[in-house]
Amino acid sequence: MATTVKVIKLISGEEIIARITDSQDGFLHLERPKLVHSLPPNAAGQLGVGLAPWCLAGEPSSIKIETKHVMVNIEPKKDIEKSYLSAITGITL
């Protein structure tokens, strides 16, 4: 499986964006996972989206998660994907 950026929604309700490098034996291998969360509305009333470390006590570079904990595995919106890639590489896209 080629490395692709995906958004996964866990059964806990967490929404995570990460590079998925492998999917086998009932596990997803995630690299550089980030938690997707909403930001308060701006002056125009539009909600924003932010990225935060998925694990606050540490910053795992890669993890495996059982697919039984995943409700949805979807493509990210292009602007969210660009923000994620900028956050993990330090390069502005």
PDB file of N, CA and C in Angstrom:
ATOM      1  N   MET A   1       0.849  -1.187   0.000  1.00  0.00           N
ATOM      2  CA  MET A   1       0.000   0.000   0.000  1.00  0.00           C
ATOM      3  C   MET A   1       0.891   1.245   0.000  1.00  0.00           C
ATOM      4  N   ALA A   2       0.625   2.161  -0.887  1.00  0.00           N
ATOM      5  CA  ALA A   2       1.371   3.418  -0.939  1.00  0.00           C
ATOM      6  C   ALA A   2       0.957   4.311   0.229  1.00  0.00           C
ATOM      7  N   THR A   3       1.858   5.194   0.622  1.00  0.00           N
ATOM      8  CA  THR A   3       1.548   6.129   1.699  1.00  0.00           C
ATOM      9  C   THR A   3       0.517   7.135   1.205  1.00  0.00           C
ATOM     10  N   THR A   4      -0.595   7.233   1.943  1.00  0.00           N
ATOM     11  CA  THR A   4      -1.636   8.196   1.601  1.00  0.00           C
ATOM     12  C   THR A   4      -2.087   8.910   2.867  1.00  0.00           C
ATOM     13  N   VAL A   5      -2.529  10.148   2.713  1.00  0.00           N
ATOM     14  CA  VAL A   5      -3.065  10.900   3.835  1.00  0.00           C
ATOM     15  C   VAL A   5      -4.563  10.613   3.902  1.00  0.00           C
ATOM     16  N   LYS A   6      -5.026  10.212   5.077  1.00  0.00           N
ATOM     17  CA  LYS A   6      -6.433   9.865   5.280  1.00  0.00           C
ATOM     18  C   LYS A   6      -6.924  10.480   6.576  1.00  0.00           C
ATOM     19  N   VAL A   7      -8.229  10.649   6.658  1.00  0.00           N
ATOM     20  CA  VAL A   7      -8.896  11.037   7.893  1.00  0.00           C
ATOM     21  C   VAL A   7      -9.633   9.797   8.379  1.00  0.00           C
ATOM     22  N   ILE A   8      -9.407   9.453   9.641  1.00  0.00           N
ATOM     23  CA  ILE A   8     -10.143   8.331  10.210  1.00  0.00           C
ATOM     24  C   ILE A   8     -10.928   8.822  11.422  1.00  0.00           C
ATOM     25  N   LYS A   9     -12.112   8.299  11.558  1.00  0.00           N
ATOM     26  CA  LYS A   9     -12.970   8.604  12.706  1.00  0.00           C
ATOM     27  C   LYS A   9     -13.015   7.341  13.544  1.00  0.00           C
ATOM     28  N   LEU A  10     -12.597   7.472  14.800  1.00  0.00           N
ATOM     29  CA  LEU A  10     -12.564   6.328  15.705  1.00  0.00           C
ATOM     30  C   LEU A  10     -13.917   6.152  16.395  1.00  0.00           C
ATOM     31  N   ILE A  11     -14.151   4.979  16.938  1.00  0.00           N
ATOM     32  CA  ILE A  11     -15.409   4.742  17.645  1.00  0.00           C
ATOM     33  C   ILE A  11     -15.520   5.602  18.896  1.00  0.00           C
ATOM     34  N   SER A  12     -14.402   6.152  19.356  1.00  0.00           N
ATOM     35  CA  SER A  12     -14.397   7.063  20.509  1.00  0.00           C
ATOM     36  C   SER A  12     -14.884   8.458  20.126  1.00  0.00           C
ATOM     37  N   GLY A  13     -15.002   8.724  18.808  1.00  0.00           N
ATOM     38  CA  GLY A  13     -15.413  10.037  18.326  1.00  0.00           C
ATOM     39  C   GLY A  13     -14.253  10.895  17.862  1.00  0.00           C
ATOM     40  N   GLU A  14     -13.033  10.483  18.161  1.00  0.00           N
ATOM     41  CA  GLU A  14     -11.858  11.246  17.730  1.00  0.00           C
ATOM     42  C   GLU A  14     -11.740  11.191  16.208  1.00  0.00           C
ATOM     43  N   GLU A  15     -11.348  12.310  15.633  1.00  0.00           N
ATOM     44  CA  GLU A  15     -11.085  12.387  14.208  1.00  0.00           C
ATOM     45  C   GLU A  15      -9.592  12.631  14.047  1.00  0.00           C
ATOM     46  N   ILE A  16      -8.926  11.752  13.318  1.00  0.00           N
ATOM     47  CA  ILE A  16      -7.468  11.794  13.185  1.00  0.00           C
ATOM     48  C   ILE A  16      -7.106  11.890  11.718  1.00  0.00           C
ATOM     49  N   ILE A  17      -6.109  12.731  11.436  1.00  0.00           N
ATOM     50  CA  ILE A  17      -5.528  12.771  10.097  1.00  0.00           C
ATOM     51  C   ILE A  17      -4.109  12.235  10.221  1.00  0.00           C
ATOM     52  N   ALA A  18      -3.713  11.397   9.271  1.00  0.00           N
ATOM     53  CA  ALA A  18      -2.385  10.777   9.331  1.00  0.00           C
ATOM     54  C   ALA A  18      -2.014  10.225   7.966  1.00  0.00           C
ATOM     55  N   ARG A  19      -0.733   9.948   7.821  1.00  0.00           N
ATOM     56  CA  ARG A  19      -0.277   9.173   6.665  1.00  0.00           C
ATOM     57  C   ARG A  19      -0.504   7.709   7.005  1.00  0.00           C
ATOM     58  N   ILE A  20      -1.205   7.007   6.142  1.00  0.00           N
ATOM     59  CA  ILE A  20      -1.418   5.574   6.347  1.00  0.00           C
ATOM     60  C   ILE A  20      -0.467   4.851   5.412  1.00  0.00           C
ATOM     61  N   THR A  21       0.448   4.081   6.002  1.00  0.00           N
ATOM     62  CA  THR A  21       1.478   3.432   5.202  1.00  0.00           C
ATOM     63  C   THR A  21       1.220   1.954   4.975  1.00  0.00           C
ATOM     64  N   ASP A  22       0.332   1.378   5.787  1.00  0.00           N
ATOM     65  CA  ASP A  22       0.091  -0.059   5.660  1.00  0.00           C
ATOM     66  C   ASP A  22      -1.267  -0.384   6.251  1.00  0.00           C
ATOM     67  N   SER A  23      -1.895  -1.389   5.700  1.00  0.00           N
ATOM     68  CA  SER A  23      -3.172  -1.867   6.206  1.00  0.00           C
ATOM     69  C   SER A  23      -3.220  -3.376   6.008  1.00  0.00           C
ATOM     70  N   GLN A  24      -2.961  -4.101   7.090  1.00  0.00           N
ATOM     71  CA  GLN A  24      -2.988  -5.561   6.983  1.00  0.00           C
ATOM     72  C   GLN A  24      -3.212  -6.182   8.354  1.00  0.00           C
ATOM     73  N   ASP A  25      -3.666  -7.395   8.344  1.00  0.00           N
ATOM     74  CA  ASP A  25      -3.874  -8.163   9.567  1.00  0.00           C
ATOM     75  C   ASP A  25      -4.754  -7.448  10.590  1.00  0.00           C
ATOM     76  N   GLY A  26      -5.718  -6.643  10.098  1.00  0.00           N
ATOM     77  CA  GLY A  26      -6.634  -5.974  11.003  1.00  0.00           C
ATOM     78  C   GLY A  26      -6.068  -4.733  11.673  1.00  0.00           C
ATOM     79  N   PHE A  27      -4.965  -4.196  11.166  1.00  0.00           N
ATOM     80  CA  PHE A  27      -4.340  -2.994  11.731  1.00  0.00           C
ATOM     81  C   PHE A  27      -4.104  -1.956  10.642  1.00  0.00           C
ATOM     82  N   LEU A  28      -4.159  -0.679  11.027  1.00  0.00           N
ATOM     83  CA  LEU A  28      -3.714   0.420  10.181  1.00  0.00           C
ATOM     84  C   LEU A  28      -2.431   0.960  10.782  1.00  0.00           C
ATOM     85  N   HIS A  29      -1.430   1.204   9.963  1.00  0.00           N
ATOM     86  CA  HIS A  29      -0.170   1.782  10.419  1.00  0.00           C
ATOM     87  C   HIS A  29      -0.218   3.271  10.099  1.00  0.00           C
ATOM     88  N   LEU A  30      -0.287   4.112  11.138  1.00  0.00           N
ATOM     89  CA  LEU A  30      -0.393   5.561  10.982  1.00  0.00           C
ATOM     90  C   LEU A  30       0.938   6.230  11.283  1.00  0.00           C
ATOM     91  N   GLU A  31       1.334   7.142  10.410  1.00  0.00           N
ATOM     92  CA  GLU A  31       2.533   7.946  10.648  1.00  0.00           C
ATOM     93  C   GLU A  31       2.120   9.385  10.893  1.00  0.00           C
ATOM     94  N   ARG A  32       2.718  10.003  11.920  1.00  0.00           N
ATOM     95  CA  ARG A  32       2.509  11.405  12.275  1.00  0.00           C
ATOM     96  C   ARG A  32       1.026  11.738  12.471  1.00  0.00           C
ATOM     97  N   PRO A  33       0.316  10.983  13.324  1.00  0.00           N
ATOM     98  CA  PRO A  33      -1.112  11.259  13.527  1.00  0.00           C
ATOM     99  C   PRO A  33      -1.350  12.592  14.230  1.00  0.00           C
ATOM    100  N   LYS A  34      -2.377  13.292  13.792  1.00  0.00           N
ATOM    101  CA  LYS A  34      -2.793  14.561  14.396  1.00  0.00           C
ATOM    102  C   LYS A  34      -4.303  14.499  14.647  1.00  0.00           C
ATOM    103  N   LEU A  35      -4.720  15.073  15.751  1.00  0.00           N
ATOM    104  CA  LEU A  35      -6.130  15.167  16.093  1.00  0.00           C
ATOM    105  C   LEU A  35      -6.723  16.367  15.366  1.00  0.00           C
ATOM    106  N   VAL A  36      -7.859  16.150  14.705  1.00  0.00           N
ATOM    107  CA  VAL A  36      -8.578  17.235  14.036  1.00  0.00           C
ATOM    108  C   VAL A  36      -9.637  17.738  15.012  1.00  0.00           C
ATOM    109  N   HIS A  37      -9.672  19.054  15.223  1.00  0.00           N
ATOM    110  CA  HIS A  37     -10.673  19.606  16.143  1.00  0.00           C
ATOM    111  C   HIS A  37     -11.203  20.921  15.602  1.00  0.00           C
ATOM    112  N   SER A  38     -12.399  21.293  16.063  1.00  0.00           N
ATOM    113  CA  SER A  38     -12.998  22.546  15.595  1.00  0.00           C
ATOM    114  C   SER A  38     -12.490  23.705  16.442  1.00  0.00           C
ATOM    115  N   LEU A  39     -12.422  24.863  15.805  1.00  0.00           N
ATOM    116  CA  LEU A  39     -12.014  26.099  16.464  1.00  0.00           C
ATOM    117  C   LEU A  39     -13.239  26.998  16.598  1.00  0.00           C
ATOM    118  N   PRO A  40     -13.226  27.912  17.555  1.00  0.00           N
ATOM    119  CA  PRO A  40     -14.374  28.823  17.713  1.00  0.00           C
ATOM    120  C   PRO A  40     -14.631  29.619  16.432  1.00  0.00           C
ATOM    121  N   PRO A  41     -15.869  30.050  16.235  1.00  0.00           N
ATOM    122  CA  PRO A  41     -16.191  30.839  15.038  1.00  0.00           C
ATOM    123  C   PRO A  41     -15.387  32.142  14.993  1.00  0.00           C
ATOM    124  N   ASN A  42     -15.034  32.549  13.770  1.00  0.00           N
ATOM    125  CA  ASN A  42     -14.340  33.825  13.602  1.00  0.00           C
ATOM    126  C   ASN A  42     -15.374  34.954  13.595  1.00  0.00           C
ATOM    127  N   ALA A  43     -14.944  36.167  13.304  1.00  0.00           N
ATOM    128  CA  ALA A  43     -15.844  37.332  13.322  1.00  0.00           C
ATOM    129  C   ALA A  43     -16.984  37.183  12.316  1.00  0.00           C
ATOM    130  N   ALA A  44     -16.758  36.432  11.240  1.00  0.00           N
ATOM    131  CA  ALA A  44     -17.792  36.215  10.222  1.00  0.00           C
ATOM    132  C   ALA A  44     -18.712  35.045  10.582  1.00  0.00           C
ATOM    133  N   GLY A  45     -18.427  34.384  11.715  1.00  0.00           N
ATOM    134  CA  GLY A  45     -19.253  33.268  12.143  1.00  0.00           C
ATOM    135  C   GLY A  45     -18.869  31.921  11.553  1.00  0.00           C
ATOM    136  N   GLN A  46     -17.744  31.852  10.860  1.00  0.00           N
ATOM    137  CA  GLN A  46     -17.302  30.603  10.253  1.00  0.00           C
ATOM    138  C   GLN A  46     -16.465  29.796  11.241  1.00  0.00           C
ATOM    139  N   LEU A  47     -16.770  28.511  11.339  1.00  0.00           N
ATOM    140  CA  LEU A  47     -15.980  27.633  12.200  1.00  0.00           C
ATOM    141  C   LEU A  47     -14.650  27.315  11.532  1.00  0.00           C
ATOM    142  N   GLY A  48     -13.617  27.182  12.332  1.00  0.00           N
ATOM    143  CA  GLY A  48     -12.313  26.809  11.820  1.00  0.00           C
ATOM    144  C   GLY A  48     -11.979  25.386  12.211  1.00  0.00           C
ATOM    145  N   VAL A  49     -10.913  24.876  11.640  1.00  0.00           N
ATOM    146  CA  VAL A  49     -10.442  23.530  11.944  1.00  0.00           C
ATOM    147  C   VAL A  49      -8.989  23.636  12.363  1.00  0.00           C
ATOM    148  N   GLY A  50      -8.639  22.947  13.451  1.00  0.00           N
ATOM    149  CA  GLY A  50      -7.275  22.947  13.941  1.00  0.00           C
ATOM    150  C   GLY A  50      -6.709  21.547  14.021  1.00  0.00           C
ATOM    151  N   LEU A  51      -5.406  21.467  14.106  1.00  0.00           N
ATOM    152  CA  LEU A  51      -4.705  20.190  14.268  1.00  0.00           C
ATOM    153  C   LEU A  51      -3.928  20.252  15.568  1.00  0.00           C
ATOM    154  N   ALA A  52      -3.996  19.167  16.321  1.00  0.00           N
ATOM    155  CA  ALA A  52      -3.295  19.087  17.596  1.00  0.00           C
ATOM    156  C   ALA A  52      -2.610  17.727  17.685  1.00  0.00           C
ATOM    157  N   PRO A  53      -1.612  17.615  18.554  1.00  0.00           N
ATOM    158  CA  PRO A  53      -1.007  16.288  18.755  1.00  0.00           C
ATOM    159  C   PRO A  53      -2.090  15.289  19.175  1.00  0.00           C
ATOM    160  N   TRP A  54      -2.054  14.113  18.614  1.00  0.00           N
ATOM    161  CA  TRP A  54      -3.040  13.098  18.968  1.00  0.00           C
ATOM    162  C   TRP A  54      -2.794  12.591  20.379  1.00  0.00           C
ATOM    163  N   CYS A  55      -1.550  12.467  20.744  1.00  0.00           N
ATOM    164  CA  CYS A  55      -1.168  12.006  22.078  1.00  0.00           C
ATOM    165  C   CYS A  55      -0.487  13.186  22.779  1.00  0.00           C
ATOM    166  N   LEU A  56      -1.146  13.754  23.777  1.00  0.00           N
ATOM    167  CA  LEU A  56      -0.614  14.951  24.429  1.00  0.00           C
ATOM    168  C   LEU A  56       0.632  14.689  25.264  1.00  0.00           C
ATOM    169  N   ALA A  57       0.779  13.484  25.779  1.00  0.00           N
ATOM    170  CA  ALA A  57       1.919  13.178  26.632  1.00  0.00           C
ATOM    171  C   ALA A  57       3.167  12.826  25.830  1.00  0.00           C
ATOM    172  N   GLY A  58       3.018  12.656  24.544  1.00  0.00           N
ATOM    173  CA  GLY A  58       4.140  12.332  23.684  1.00  0.00           C
ATOM    174  C   GLY A  58       3.748  12.577  22.246  1.00  0.00           C
ATOM    175  N   GLU A  59       4.691  12.507  21.364  1.00  0.00           N
ATOM    176  CA  GLU A  59       4.416  12.715  19.943  1.00  0.00           C
ATOM    177  C   GLU A  59       4.889  11.488  19.176  1.00  0.00           C
ATOM    178  N   PRO A  60       4.009  10.493  19.080  1.00  0.00           N
ATOM    179  CA  PRO A  60       4.426   9.278  18.383  1.00  0.00           C
ATOM    180  C   PRO A  60       4.620   9.539  16.895  1.00  0.00           C
ATOM    181  N   SER A  61       5.726   9.035  16.350  1.00  0.00           N
ATOM    182  CA  SER A  61       5.954   9.216  14.920  1.00  0.00           C
ATOM    183  C   SER A  61       5.182   8.182  14.115  1.00  0.00           C
ATOM    184  N   SER A  62       4.939   7.009  14.710  1.00  0.00           N
ATOM    185  CA  SER A  62       4.110   6.013  14.036  1.00  0.00           C
ATOM    186  C   SER A  62       3.465   5.096  15.068  1.00  0.00           C
ATOM    187  N   ILE A  63       2.250   4.680  14.740  1.00  0.00           N
ATOM    188  CA  ILE A  63       1.495   3.782  15.619  1.00  0.00           C
ATOM    189  C   ILE A  63       0.711   2.800  14.770  1.00  0.00           C
ATOM    190  N   LYS A  64       0.288   1.737  15.400  1.00  0.00           N
ATOM    191  CA  LYS A  64      -0.632   0.799  14.766  1.00  0.00           C
ATOM    192  C   LYS A  64      -1.936   0.854  15.544  1.00  0.00           C
ATOM    193  N   ILE A  65      -3.050   0.871  14.826  1.00  0.00           N
ATOM    194  CA  ILE A  65      -4.351   0.895  15.464  1.00  0.00           C
ATOM    195  C   ILE A  65      -5.214  -0.196  14.838  1.00  0.00           C
ATOM    196  N   GLU A  66      -5.938  -0.901  15.678  1.00  0.00           N
ATOM    197  CA  GLU A  66      -6.791  -1.974  15.167  1.00  0.00           C
ATOM    198  C   GLU A  66      -7.943  -1.387  14.364  1.00  0.00           C
ATOM    199  N   THR A  67      -8.237  -1.999  13.225  1.00  0.00           N
ATOM    200  CA  THR A  67      -9.303  -1.488  12.369  1.00  0.00           C
ATOM    201  C   THR A  67     -10.675  -1.599  13.034  1.00  0.00           C
ATOM    202  N   LYS A  68     -10.816  -2.436  14.050  1.00  0.00           N
ATOM    203  CA  LYS A  68     -12.106  -2.548  14.733  1.00  0.00           C
ATOM    204  C   LYS A  68     -12.449  -1.260  15.497  1.00  0.00           C
ATOM    205  N   HIS A  69     -11.459  -0.384  15.703  1.00  0.00           N
ATOM    206  CA  HIS A  69     -11.686   0.885  16.387  1.00  0.00           C
ATOM    207  C   HIS A  69     -11.990   2.028  15.413  1.00  0.00           C
ATOM    208  N   VAL A  70     -11.990   1.726  14.120  1.00  0.00           N
ATOM    209  CA  VAL A  70     -12.192   2.749  13.085  1.00  0.00           C
ATOM    210  C   VAL A  70     -13.605   2.634  12.516  1.00  0.00           C
ATOM    211  N   MET A  71     -14.358   3.753  12.587  1.00  0.00           N
ATOM    212  CA  MET A  71     -15.696   3.778  11.993  1.00  0.00           C
ATOM    213  C   MET A  71     -15.628   4.165  10.520  1.00  0.00           C
ATOM    214  N   VAL A  72     -14.777   5.160  10.201  1.00  0.00           N
ATOM    215  CA  VAL A  72     -14.720   5.711   8.849  1.00  0.00           C
ATOM    216  C   VAL A  72     -13.262   5.986   8.483  1.00  0.00           C
ATOM    217  N   ASN A  73     -12.930   5.747   7.219  1.00  0.00           N
ATOM    218  CA  ASN A  73     -11.607   6.006   6.672  1.00  0.00           C
ATOM    219  C   ASN A  73     -11.842   6.736   5.352  1.00  0.00           C
ATOM    220  N   ILE A  74     -11.606   8.066   5.328  1.00  0.00           N
ATOM    221  CA  ILE A  74     -11.965   8.858   4.148  1.00  0.00           C
ATOM    222  C   ILE A  74     -10.818   9.760   3.696  1.00  0.00           C
ATOM    223  N   GLU A  75     -10.969  10.299   2.486  1.00  0.00           N
ATOM    224  CA  GLU A  75     -10.026  11.267   1.947  1.00  0.00           C
ATOM    225  C   GLU A  75     -10.228  12.597   2.666  1.00  0.00           C
ATOM    226  N   PRO A  76      -9.146  13.312   2.983  1.00  0.00           N
ATOM    227  CA  PRO A  76      -9.289  14.631   3.614  1.00  0.00           C
ATOM    228  C   PRO A  76      -9.654  15.698   2.586  1.00  0.00           C
ATOM    229  N   LYS A  77     -10.256  16.783   3.072  1.00  0.00           N
ATOM    230  CA  LYS A  77     -10.442  17.952   2.219  1.00  0.00           C
ATOM    231  C   LYS A  77      -9.053  18.467   1.861  1.00  0.00           C
ATOM    232  N   LYS A  78      -8.914  19.026   0.679  1.00  0.00           N
ATOM    233  CA  LYS A  78      -7.598  19.452   0.190  1.00  0.00           C
ATOM    234  C   LYS A  78      -6.934  20.484   1.110  1.00  0.00           C
ATOM    235  N   ASP A  79      -7.710  21.448   1.634  1.00  0.00           N
ATOM    236  CA  ASP A  79      -7.103  22.466   2.495  1.00  0.00           C
ATOM    237  C   ASP A  79      -6.644  21.876   3.826  1.00  0.00           C
ATOM    238  N   ILE A  80      -7.380  20.894   4.332  1.00  0.00           N
ATOM    239  CA  ILE A  80      -6.984  20.225   5.582  1.00  0.00           C
ATOM    240  C   ILE A  80      -5.723  19.391   5.339  1.00  0.00           C
ATOM    241  N   GLU A  81      -5.675  18.712   4.197  1.00  0.00           N
ATOM    242  CA  GLU A  81      -4.494  17.918   3.861  1.00  0.00           C
ATOM    243  C   GLU A  81      -3.257  18.818   3.744  1.00  0.00           C
ATOM    244  N   LYS A  82      -3.396  19.980   3.113  1.00  0.00           N
ATOM    245  CA  LYS A  82      -2.272  20.908   2.989  1.00  0.00           C
ATOM    246  C   LYS A  82      -1.817  21.395   4.362  1.00  0.00           C
ATOM    247  N   SER A  83      -2.775  21.714   5.238  1.00  0.00           N
ATOM    248  CA  SER A  83      -2.421  22.147   6.598  1.00  0.00           C
ATOM    249  C   SER A  83      -1.687  21.048   7.352  1.00  0.00           C
ATOM    250  N   TYR A  84      -2.165  19.823   7.212  1.00  0.00           N
ATOM    251  CA  TYR A  84      -1.532  18.676   7.872  1.00  0.00           C
ATOM    252  C   TYR A  84      -0.102  18.500   7.364  1.00  0.00           C
ATOM    253  N   LEU A  85       0.074  18.475   6.045  1.00  0.00           N
ATOM    254  CA  LEU A  85       1.404  18.276   5.492  1.00  0.00           C
ATOM    255  C   LEU A  85       2.351  19.401   5.885  1.00  0.00           C
ATOM    256  N   SER A  86       1.847  20.626   5.938  1.00  0.00           N
ATOM    257  CA  SER A  86       2.675  21.746   6.399  1.00  0.00           C
ATOM    258  C   SER A  86       3.069  21.572   7.857  1.00  0.00           C
ATOM    259  N   ALA A  87       2.116  21.084   8.675  1.00  0.00           N
ATOM    260  CA  ALA A  87       2.382  20.893  10.102  1.00  0.00           C
ATOM    261  C   ALA A  87       3.439  19.819  10.355  1.00  0.00           C
ATOM    262  N   ILE A  88       3.425  18.751   9.576  1.00  0.00           N
ATOM    263  CA  ILE A  88       4.373  17.666   9.842  1.00  0.00           C
ATOM    264  C   ILE A  88       5.723  17.849   9.147  1.00  0.00           C
ATOM    265  N   THR A  89       5.767  18.679   8.098  1.00  0.00           N
ATOM    266  CA  THR A  89       7.032  18.856   7.376  1.00  0.00           C
ATOM    267  C   THR A  89       7.679  20.194   7.664  1.00  0.00           C
ATOM    268  N   GLY A  90       6.884  21.170   8.096  1.00  0.00           N
ATOM    269  CA  GLY A  90       7.416  22.515   8.300  1.00  0.00           C
ATOM    270  C   GLY A  90       7.520  23.318   7.021  1.00  0.00           C
ATOM    271  N   ILE A  91       7.024  22.755   5.912  1.00  0.00           N
ATOM    272  CA  ILE A  91       7.063  23.407   4.618  1.00  0.00           C
ATOM    273  C   ILE A  91       5.682  23.987   4.316  1.00  0.00           C
ATOM    274  N   THR A  92       5.628  25.245   3.969  1.00  0.00           N
ATOM    275  CA  THR A  92       4.360  25.874   3.614  1.00  0.00           C
ATOM    276  C   THR A  92       4.001  25.485   2.182  1.00  0.00           C
ATOM    277  N   LEU A  93       2.799  24.923   2.048  1.00  0.00           N
ATOM    278  CA  LEU A  93       2.347  24.500   0.719  1.00  0.00           C
ATOM    279  C   LEU A  93       1.402  25.507   0.116  1.00  0.00           C
TER     280      LEU A  93
END
